[in-house]
Amino acid sequence: MGQLDEAKREFQKAMELSGNRDTYAFIGLANINYTLSCMHRNDINGQEAQLRSALSKYFGILELDENNTYASLGIGNLLAEYGKVDEAKEVFKLLANSEAET
């Protein structure tokens, strides 16, 4: 986990420097939580904590930028991870439609 820890520290620095408004760093932190959840497959509580943290971050990003595709994709991935495949498909459809409109 050395590289993940190092990346997490760098993203946290970027967030501090930006007043917690750097959406790229925020995405990085959320993605690290998602990655850590995959590494906790044998620890349900650990996995759940990482997934919740990632989800919270993705929604926080959408509060800063409601059109952030990366955050929406992250939410879709997490919904699928939770077994909510129909909801995940809806997120992905909305993203595809919004991309087609631009």
Protein backbone atom coordinates (compact mmCIF):
# COMPACT_ATOMS: atom_id res chain seq x y z
CA MET A 1 0.00 0.00 0.00
CA GLY A 2 3.05 2.29 -0.04
CA GLN A 3 2.23 3.93 -3.37
CA LEU A 4 -1.42 4.41 -2.43
CA ASP A 5 -0.41 6.03 0.84
CA GLU A 6 1.99 8.34 -0.98
CA ALA A 7 -0.65 9.25 -3.58
CA LYS A 8 -3.19 9.86 -0.84
CA ARG A 9 -0.81 12.27 0.93
CA GLU A 10 -0.18 14.17 -2.31
CA PHE A 11 -3.89 14.44 -3.10
CA GLN A 12 -4.56 15.62 0.46
CA LYS A 13 -1.87 18.32 0.06
CA ALA A 14 -3.47 19.47 -3.18
CA MET A 15 -6.84 19.62 -1.46
CA GLU A 16 -5.44 21.69 1.40
CA LEU A 17 -3.74 24.10 -0.99
CA SER A 18 -6.96 24.54 -2.97
CA GLY A 19 -9.19 25.06 0.05
CA ASN A 20 -10.75 21.65 -0.63
CA ARG A 21 -11.89 22.72 -4.11
CA ASP A 22 -9.51 20.74 -6.35
CA THR A 23 -11.90 18.29 -7.99
CA TYR A 24 -9.05 16.31 -9.60
CA ALA A 25 -7.44 15.70 -6.23
CA PHE A 26 -10.86 14.93 -4.77
CA ILE A 27 -11.42 12.34 -7.53
CA GLY A 28 -8.00 10.88 -6.75
CA LEU A 29 -8.91 10.48 -3.09
CA ALA A 30 -12.27 8.92 -3.93
CA ASN A 31 -10.62 6.52 -6.36
CA ILE A 32 -8.09 5.51 -3.71
CA ASN A 33 -10.96 4.66 -1.36
CA TYR A 34 -12.57 2.64 -4.12
CA THR A 35 -9.29 0.80 -4.77
CA LEU A 36 -8.86 0.11 -1.06
CA SER A 37 -12.39 -1.31 -0.93
CA CYS A 38 -11.37 -3.83 -3.58
CA MET A 39 -8.38 -4.78 -1.45
CA HIS A 40 -10.67 -5.43 1.56
CA ARG A 41 -12.79 -8.13 -0.09
CA ASN A 42 -12.25 -10.47 2.88
CA ASP A 43 -13.06 -7.75 5.43
CA ILE A 44 -16.69 -6.71 4.93
CA ASN A 45 -16.51 -3.87 7.48
CA GLY A 46 -13.30 -2.52 5.96
CA GLN A 47 -14.70 -2.77 2.46
CA GLU A 48 -17.93 -1.06 3.48
CA ALA A 49 -16.05 1.80 5.16
CA GLN A 50 -13.93 2.41 2.06
CA LEU A 51 -16.96 2.27 -0.26
CA ARG A 52 -18.88 4.72 1.91
CA SER A 53 -15.90 7.06 2.02
CA ALA A 54 -15.55 6.92 -1.77
CA LEU A 55 -19.25 7.53 -2.28
CA SER A 56 -19.20 10.48 0.08
CA LYS A 57 -16.30 11.98 -1.84
CA TYR A 58 -17.95 11.46 -5.23
CA PHE A 59 -21.08 13.26 -3.99
CA GLY A 60 -18.87 16.01 -2.52
CA ILE A 61 -17.31 16.50 -5.95
CA LEU A 62 -20.76 16.82 -7.51
CA GLU A 63 -21.54 19.56 -5.00
CA LEU A 64 -18.55 21.47 -6.39
CA ASP A 65 -19.21 20.57 -10.03
CA GLU A 66 -22.57 18.98 -10.78
CA ASN A 67 -21.43 18.00 -14.28
CA ASN A 68 -18.31 16.12 -13.19
CA THR A 69 -18.30 12.99 -15.32
CA TYR A 70 -15.62 11.26 -13.26
CA ALA A 71 -17.64 11.57 -10.06
CA SER A 72 -20.76 10.30 -11.80
CA LEU A 73 -18.84 7.34 -13.21
CA GLY A 74 -17.51 6.61 -9.73
CA ILE A 75 -21.04 6.62 -8.33
CA GLY A 76 -22.17 4.27 -11.09
CA ASN A 77 -19.29 1.92 -10.33
CA LEU A 78 -20.07 1.95 -6.62
CA LEU A 79 -23.75 1.26 -7.25
CA ALA A 80 -22.74 -1.76 -9.31
CA GLU A 81 -20.35 -2.82 -6.53
CA TYR A 82 -23.25 -2.69 -4.06
CA GLY A 83 -25.27 -4.92 -6.41
CA LYS A 84 -27.53 -2.09 -7.52
CA VAL A 85 -27.02 -2.84 -11.19
CA ASP A 86 -30.24 -1.24 -12.46
CA GLU A 87 -29.39 2.03 -10.69
CA ALA A 88 -25.84 1.88 -12.03
CA LYS A 89 -27.18 1.40 -15.56
CA GLU A 90 -29.36 4.49 -15.12
CA VAL A 91 -26.34 6.56 -14.09
CA PHE A 92 -24.40 5.31 -17.10
CA LYS A 93 -27.34 6.01 -19.45
CA LEU A 94 -27.65 9.55 -18.12
CA LEU A 95 -23.93 10.07 -18.67
CA ALA A 96 -24.10 8.70 -22.20
CA ASN A 97 -27.06 10.97 -23.01
CA SER A 98 -25.37 14.04 -21.55
CA GLU A 99 -22.18 13.31 -23.50
CA ALA A 100 -24.19 12.85 -26.71
CA GLU A 101 -25.77 16.28 -26.20
CA THR A 102 -22.42 18.06 -25.98
